[in-house]
Amino acid sequence: MPDVCDRRTALKWTTASLAAAALGTVAAPAAPAAADEPPTTRPLRPLFDLSLAQWSLHRALHAGTLDHLDFAGTAAERFGIHAVEYVNSFFKDKATDAAYLADMNRRAADANVRQLLIMVDGEGRLGDPDDDARTRAVEAHYKWVDAAKTLGCHSIRVNAASAGTPDEQRAHSRDGLRRLTEFAAARGINVIVENHGGLSSDGSWLASVIRAVDHPRCGTLPDFGNFRVSADVEYDRYRGVAELMPFAKAVSAKSYAFDERGDETTIDYRRMMSIVVDAGYRGFVGIEYEGSAHPEDDGIRLTKTLLERLRADLTKSLRDADAKVPGRS
């Protein structure tokens, strides 16, 4: 498991969270507070901000009861969330449609919503063992990089799909990701990889791929729920998120079902968010309700309420830890 910040150090990160969120990166620690400023009175930035992943409403979008162009406004008006993460399948043929993208920008601005990233699927395997197929996949992603730039996003989320031995898949994925990242970096866009099935759901393997790419614009989007490596292998989700957090430029808070106390029943959210916060991450945490136990709207609200409760609890824990530092009480 990678090194993580202790809680006293982590508190210092809170004052730089907004700048970090704008870039989809972890912020540098803030300057120390004045010695005569009691820690109990110093204002804190939120440990993390909340965004809404479009997949949370995939049933409504597929059914046609919600139009893609209305998603940003819906996030703000229905859920009080002012940052969104798109899925390219809901505007698959619009990546190069300047008028359509302009309409998305206008609607997001009208709703005071930030457009953070585009999750890109269905454009080929960036780690395809065939050189020509891998090149086609890399180039097929270019239009989504340009679309992300137009929309003011910080990243596109991609997949590290491949075939062969783990070493072969690492080499092929490294090549495709590096080439795509170099294209994206020239446009100020990050390329971030989600644990999304196959070897990419092995946290250690995916972390090794990102290290092999070795580019500041290539990172991860740790997802709390996608750790099924194969039909017979389930990777430990807490270990996996911890392994991916050092490279995280976004976080996907997957949820499925909730009990009467409002706790998620599949994932220990307190443990998971402690991993996220202790890693020093201060960007957006994306709500991605994927369950069927609750209607989509209810699942989103339950996830939001849980994350807000944990944010308050974790902030208090960091505040209390800071107050115990000699000379700071």
Protein backbone atom coordinates (compact mmCIF):
# COMPACT_ATOMS: atom_id res chain seq x y z
CA MET A 1 0.00 0.00 0.00
CA PRO A 2 1.40 3.44 -0.87
CA ASP A 3 2.42 6.02 1.68
CA VAL A 4 -0.38 8.34 2.73
CA CYS A 5 -0.49 11.69 4.46
CA ASP A 6 -1.04 11.68 8.21
CA ARG A 7 -4.12 13.52 9.37
CA ARG A 8 -2.28 16.61 10.61
CA THR A 9 -0.53 17.01 7.27
CA ALA A 10 -3.75 16.34 5.40
CA LEU A 11 -5.50 19.23 7.16
CA LYS A 12 -3.09 21.68 5.55
CA TRP A 13 -4.26 20.55 2.11
CA THR A 14 -7.80 21.77 2.62
CA THR A 15 -6.98 25.42 1.97
CA ALA A 16 -5.75 24.62 -1.55
CA SER A 17 -8.63 22.42 -2.67
CA LEU A 18 -10.29 24.78 -5.12
CA ALA A 19 -7.17 25.26 -7.22
CA ALA A 20 -6.61 21.53 -7.29
CA ALA A 21 -10.17 20.80 -8.32
CA ALA A 22 -9.88 23.16 -11.25
CA LEU A 23 -7.02 21.07 -12.66
CA GLY A 24 -8.29 17.69 -11.54
CA THR A 25 -5.10 17.25 -9.54
CA VAL A 26 -4.00 17.07 -5.93
CA ALA A 27 -3.15 20.47 -4.47
CA ALA A 28 0.09 21.45 -2.83
CA PRO A 29 -0.06 22.02 0.91
CA ALA A 30 -1.08 25.51 1.95
CA ALA A 31 1.23 27.80 3.85
CA PRO A 32 1.06 27.35 7.64
CA ALA A 33 -1.45 29.49 9.49
CA ALA A 34 -0.27 32.31 11.69
CA ALA A 35 0.85 31.11 15.11
CA ASP A 36 -1.69 33.36 16.86
CA GLU A 37 -4.59 32.02 14.79
CA PRO A 38 -6.31 29.23 16.78
CA PRO A 39 -6.98 26.10 14.70
CA THR A 40 -10.55 26.01 15.95
CA THR A 41 -11.30 29.37 14.30
CA ARG A 42 -9.42 29.00 11.01
CA PRO A 43 -11.80 28.47 8.07
CA LEU A 44 -11.49 25.21 6.17
CA ARG A 45 -12.08 24.55 2.51
CA PRO A 46 -14.18 21.46 1.85
CA LEU A 47 -12.10 18.30 1.89
CA PHE A 48 -13.64 17.48 -1.47
CA ASP A 49 -16.37 18.76 -3.74
CA LEU A 50 -19.17 16.69 -5.27
CA SER A 51 -19.96 16.08 -8.91
CA LEU A 52 -22.56 13.93 -10.66
CA ALA A 53 -21.56 11.19 -13.06
CA GLN A 54 -24.00 10.96 -15.96
CA TRP A 55 -24.19 7.18 -15.63
CA SER A 56 -26.20 7.71 -12.44
CA LEU A 57 -29.13 8.58 -14.71
CA HIS A 58 -28.45 6.07 -17.47
CA ARG A 59 -31.89 4.48 -17.21
CA ALA A 60 -33.65 7.80 -17.68
CA LEU A 61 -31.32 8.72 -20.53
CA HIS A 62 -31.76 5.40 -22.29
CA ALA A 63 -35.53 5.57 -21.83
CA GLY A 64 -35.68 9.06 -23.30
CA THR A 65 -37.25 10.62 -20.20
CA LEU A 66 -34.09 12.73 -19.82
CA ASP A 67 -32.25 14.32 -22.74
CA HIS A 68 -28.49 14.59 -22.67
CA LEU A 69 -28.67 18.35 -23.18
CA ASP A 70 -30.73 18.66 -20.01
CA PHE A 71 -28.33 16.70 -17.83
CA ALA A 72 -26.27 19.63 -16.53
CA GLY A 73 -29.37 21.60 -15.62
CA THR A 74 -30.90 18.55 -13.97
CA ALA A 75 -27.80 18.04 -11.81
CA ALA A 76 -28.13 21.58 -10.47
CA GLU A 77 -31.89 21.95 -10.22
CA ARG A 78 -32.87 18.48 -9.02
CA PHE A 79 -29.87 17.55 -6.89
CA GLY A 80 -28.04 20.78 -6.04
CA ILE A 81 -24.86 19.52 -7.71
CA HIS A 82 -22.91 22.03 -9.80
CA ALA A 83 -20.28 19.85 -11.49
CA VAL A 84 -20.85 17.01 -13.96
CA GLU A 85 -19.04 14.11 -15.59
CA TYR A 86 -20.31 13.09 -19.02
CA VAL A 87 -20.44 9.68 -20.68
CA ASN A 88 -19.71 9.82 -24.41
CA SER A 89 -22.32 7.20 -25.31
CA PHE A 90 -25.06 9.73 -24.60
CA PHE A 91 -23.76 12.11 -27.29
CA LYS A 92 -21.79 9.63 -29.34
CA ASP A 93 -22.18 11.36 -32.72
CA LYS A 94 -21.69 14.91 -31.40
CA ALA A 95 -17.98 15.00 -30.55
CA THR A 96 -17.21 17.19 -33.58
CA ASP A 97 -20.55 19.02 -33.74
CA ALA A 98 -19.53 22.58 -32.84
CA ALA A 99 -23.11 23.83 -32.53
CA TYR A 100 -24.09 20.98 -30.22
CA LEU A 101 -21.06 21.47 -27.99
CA ALA A 102 -21.78 25.19 -27.87
CA ASP A 103 -25.32 24.38 -26.72
CA MET A 104 -23.89 22.15 -23.98
CA ASN A 105 -21.65 25.01 -22.87
CA ARG A 106 -24.52 27.48 -22.85
CA ARG A 107 -26.79 25.21 -20.82
CA ALA A 108 -24.08 24.39 -18.31
CA ALA A 109 -23.25 28.07 -17.88
CA ASP A 110 -26.93 28.96 -17.45
CA ALA A 111 -27.17 26.35 -14.67
CA ASN A 112 -23.83 27.42 -13.11
CA VAL A 113 -22.46 23.93 -13.66
CA ARG A 114 -18.82 22.98 -14.29
CA GLN A 115 -18.14 20.32 -16.92
CA LEU A 116 -15.31 18.22 -15.54
CA LEU A 117 -14.64 15.25 -17.79
CA ILE A 118 -15.91 12.92 -20.48
CA MET A 119 -15.92 9.15 -19.89
CA VAL A 120 -15.00 7.62 -23.24
CA ASP A 121 -16.05 4.10 -24.21
CA GLY A 122 -16.41 2.25 -27.49
CA GLU A 123 -13.48 3.80 -29.35
CA GLY A 124 -11.21 0.76 -29.52
CA ARG A 125 -8.63 -0.76 -27.21
CA LEU A 126 -5.79 1.58 -26.34
CA GLY A 127 -3.78 -1.52 -25.43
CA ASP A 128 -4.72 -3.59 -28.46
CA PRO A 129 -1.95 -6.12 -29.24
CA ASP A 130 -2.24 -5.31 -32.95
CA ASP A 131 -0.20 -2.20 -33.72
CA ASP A 132 -2.56 -0.90 -36.40
CA ALA A 133 -5.67 -1.47 -34.28
CA ARG A 134 -4.00 0.26 -31.33
CA THR A 135 -3.14 3.25 -33.50
CA ARG A 136 -6.73 3.44 -34.75
CA ALA A 137 -7.95 3.38 -31.15
CA VAL A 138 -5.57 6.17 -30.13
CA GLU A 139 -6.66 8.33 -33.04
CA ALA A 140 -10.35 7.58 -32.43
CA HIS A 141 -9.97 9.21 -29.01
CA TYR A 142 -8.60 12.45 -30.45
CA LYS A 143 -12.03 13.90 -31.13
CA TRP A 144 -13.02 13.42 -27.49
CA VAL A 145 -9.89 15.23 -26.34
CA ASP A 146 -10.89 18.15 -28.55
CA ALA A 147 -14.48 17.97 -27.30
CA ALA A 148 -13.26 18.00 -23.71
CA LYS A 149 -11.17 21.07 -24.48
CA THR A 150 -14.21 22.82 -26.00
CA LEU A 151 -16.34 22.00 -22.96
CA GLY A 152 -13.74 23.22 -20.49
CA CYS A 153 -13.16 19.75 -19.02
CA HIS A 154 -9.89 18.81 -17.34
CA SER A 155 -9.83 15.17 -18.52
CA ILE A 156 -11.12 12.35 -20.62
CA ARG A 157 -11.56 9.01 -18.88
CA VAL A 158 -10.38 6.04 -20.93
CA ASN A 159 -9.94 2.28 -20.54
CA ALA A 160 -6.73 0.24 -20.52
CA ALA A 161 -8.11 -2.80 -22.36
CA SER A 162 -5.68 -5.25 -23.90
CA ALA A 163 -4.91 -8.97 -24.29
CA GLY A 164 -2.00 -11.27 -23.58
CA THR A 165 0.15 -11.78 -20.51
CA PRO A 166 0.18 -9.06 -17.83
CA ASP A 167 3.58 -7.86 -19.07
CA GLU A 168 2.40 -7.77 -22.68
CA GLN A 169 -0.76 -5.92 -21.74
CA ARG A 170 1.26 -3.42 -19.73
CA ALA A 171 3.55 -2.72 -22.69
CA HIS A 172 0.68 -2.33 -25.18
CA SER A 173 -1.40 -0.16 -22.83
CA ARG A 174 1.62 1.97 -21.99
CA ASP A 175 2.21 2.64 -25.68
CA GLY A 176 -1.38 3.60 -26.48
CA LEU A 177 -1.83 5.70 -23.36
CA ARG A 178 1.48 7.51 -23.83
CA ARG A 179 0.67 8.48 -27.41
CA LEU A 180 -2.84 9.65 -26.51
CA THR A 181 -1.54 11.54 -23.48
CA GLU A 182 1.01 13.41 -25.57
CA PHE A 183 -1.77 14.50 -27.93
CA ALA A 184 -3.99 15.52 -25.02
CA ALA A 185 -1.24 17.28 -23.10
CA ALA A 186 -0.68 19.65 -26.03
CA ARG A 187 -4.31 20.72 -25.53
CA GLY A 188 -4.16 20.96 -21.74
CA ILE A 189 -6.24 17.81 -21.19
CA ASN A 190 -5.53 14.88 -18.88
CA VAL A 191 -5.97 11.23 -19.83
CA ILE A 192 -7.20 9.28 -16.83
CA VAL A 193 -7.73 5.53 -16.61
CA GLU A 194 -10.52 3.87 -14.64
CA ASN A 195 -10.38 0.41 -13.14
CA HIS A 196 -12.99 -0.99 -15.51
CA GLY A 197 -12.69 -4.75 -15.85
CA GLY A 198 -9.97 -7.17 -16.87
CA LEU A 199 -6.47 -6.43 -15.65
CA SER A 200 -7.38 -2.75 -15.22
CA SER A 201 -9.35 -3.90 -12.14
CA ASP A 202 -6.10 -5.12 -10.60
CA GLY A 203 -4.98 -2.00 -8.75
CA SER A 204 -1.34 -2.99 -8.65
CA TRP A 205 -1.22 -3.71 -12.39
CA LEU A 206 -2.98 -0.47 -13.35
CA ALA A 207 -0.71 1.56 -11.08
CA SER A 208 2.28 -0.07 -12.82
CA VAL A 209 0.88 1.02 -16.20
CA ILE A 210 0.56 4.64 -15.08
CA ARG A 211 4.12 4.57 -13.76
CA ALA A 212 5.27 3.14 -17.10
CA VAL A 213 3.49 5.91 -19.05
CA ASP A 214 5.37 8.35 -16.84
CA HIS A 215 3.58 11.54 -17.90
CA PRO A 216 2.08 14.15 -15.53
CA ARG A 217 -1.04 14.33 -17.69
CA CYS A 218 -1.77 10.59 -17.37
CA GLY A 219 -3.47 9.49 -14.17
CA THR A 220 -6.28 7.43 -12.73
CA LEU A 221 -9.96 7.63 -11.91
CA PRO A 222 -10.36 5.16 -9.04
CA ASP A 223 -13.87 3.67 -8.99
CA PHE A 224 -15.09 2.17 -5.71
CA GLY A 225 -16.96 -0.65 -7.41
CA ASN A 226 -15.12 -1.91 -10.50
CA PHE A 227 -12.71 -4.53 -9.16
CA ARG A 228 -13.91 -7.64 -10.98
CA VAL A 229 -10.77 -8.89 -12.75
CA SER A 230 -12.43 -12.03 -14.10
CA ALA A 231 -15.36 -14.32 -13.39
CA ASP A 232 -13.31 -15.96 -10.64
CA VAL A 233 -11.19 -13.08 -9.35
CA GLU A 234 -12.39 -10.07 -7.35
CA TYR A 235 -9.63 -7.63 -6.37
CA ASP A 236 -9.81 -6.08 -2.91
CA ARG A 237 -11.51 -2.75 -3.49
CA TYR A 238 -9.86 -0.93 -0.58
CA ARG A 239 -6.39 -2.04 -1.54
CA GLY A 240 -7.11 -1.16 -5.17
CA VAL A 241 -8.30 2.36 -4.44
CA ALA A 242 -5.30 2.95 -2.16
CA GLU A 243 -2.96 1.80 -4.96
CA LEU A 244 -4.61 4.10 -7.52
CA MET A 245 -5.03 7.23 -5.39
CA PRO A 246 -1.44 8.52 -5.83
CA PHE A 247 -2.27 9.08 -9.52
CA ALA A 248 -5.92 10.17 -9.12
CA LYS A 249 -7.22 13.21 -10.96
CA ALA A 250 -10.86 12.26 -10.26
CA VAL A 251 -12.67 9.77 -8.00
CA SER A 252 -15.83 7.79 -8.75
CA ALA A 253 -18.00 7.10 -5.69
CA LYS A 254 -19.89 4.06 -6.96
CA SER A 255 -22.97 3.10 -4.94
CA TYR A 256 -25.56 0.34 -5.16
CA ALA A 257 -27.92 0.21 -2.16
CA PHE A 258 -28.48 1.82 1.23
CA ASP A 259 -29.83 0.69 4.59
CA GLU A 260 -32.24 2.54 6.87
CA ARG A 261 -29.36 4.50 8.42
CA GLY A 262 -28.30 5.84 5.03
CA ASP A 263 -25.13 3.74 4.85
CA GLU A 264 -24.09 2.01 1.63
CA THR A 265 -24.53 -1.74 2.07
CA THR A 266 -21.86 -3.01 -0.36
CA ILE A 267 -19.00 -0.60 0.32
CA ASP A 268 -17.66 0.69 3.62
CA TYR A 269 -17.84 4.33 2.61
CA ARG A 270 -16.18 5.65 5.76
CA ARG A 271 -13.19 3.43 5.16
CA MET A 272 -13.11 4.26 1.46
CA MET A 273 -13.36 8.03 1.91
CA SER A 274 -10.69 7.90 4.60
CA ILE A 275 -8.39 6.29 2.02
CA VAL A 276 -9.23 9.05 -0.47
CA VAL A 277 -8.72 11.89 2.01
CA ASP A 278 -5.61 10.43 3.65
CA ALA A 279 -4.02 10.19 0.19
CA GLY A 280 -4.16 13.99 0.05
CA TYR A 281 -6.79 14.10 -2.70
CA ARG A 282 -8.79 17.34 -2.70
CA GLY A 283 -10.58 17.28 -6.05
CA PHE A 284 -14.11 16.31 -7.01
CA VAL A 285 -15.72 13.05 -5.91
CA GLY A 286 -18.22 11.94 -8.54
CA ILE A 287 -21.52 10.38 -7.45
CA GLU A 288 -22.16 7.31 -9.59
CA TYR A 289 -25.26 5.47 -8.42
CA GLU A 290 -25.51 2.18 -10.30
CA GLY A 291 -27.92 0.14 -8.22
CA SER A 292 -31.49 -1.02 -8.74
CA ALA A 293 -32.59 -1.11 -5.10
CA HIS A 294 -33.67 2.54 -5.26
CA PRO A 295 -34.96 4.78 -8.06
CA GLU A 296 -32.13 6.70 -9.71
CA ASP A 297 -33.07 10.02 -8.14
CA ASP A 298 -33.22 8.46 -4.67
CA GLY A 299 -29.91 6.66 -5.16
CA ILE A 300 -28.21 9.90 -6.14
CA ARG A 301 -29.62 11.75 -3.14
CA LEU A 302 -28.70 8.95 -0.74
CA THR A 303 -25.12 8.90 -2.06
CA LYS A 304 -24.87 12.69 -1.82
CA THR A 305 -26.19 12.75 1.74
CA LEU A 306 -23.75 10.03 2.81
CA LEU A 307 -20.78 11.80 1.24
CA GLU A 308 -21.77 15.10 2.84
CA ARG A 309 -22.04 13.41 6.25
CA LEU A 310 -18.66 11.76 5.87
CA ARG A 311 -17.09 14.99 4.66
CA ALA A 312 -18.26 16.73 7.83
CA ASP A 313 -17.01 13.86 10.03
CA LEU A 314 -13.63 13.68 8.34
CA THR A 315 -13.20 17.44 8.50
CA LYS A 316 -13.89 17.34 12.25
CA SER A 317 -11.40 14.51 12.70
CA LEU A 318 -8.71 16.50 10.93
CA ARG A 319 -9.59 19.61 12.91
CA ASP A 320 -9.34 17.69 16.18
CA ALA A 321 -6.02 16.14 15.16
CA ASP A 322 -4.61 19.54 14.26
CA ALA A 323 -5.74 20.99 17.58
CA LYS A 324 -3.62 18.40 19.38
CA VAL A 325 -0.38 19.53 17.71
CA PRO A 326 1.84 21.13 20.38
CA GLY A 327 1.69 24.90 20.24
CA ARG A 328 -1.43 24.91 18.05
CA SER A 329 -4.16 24.46 20.68
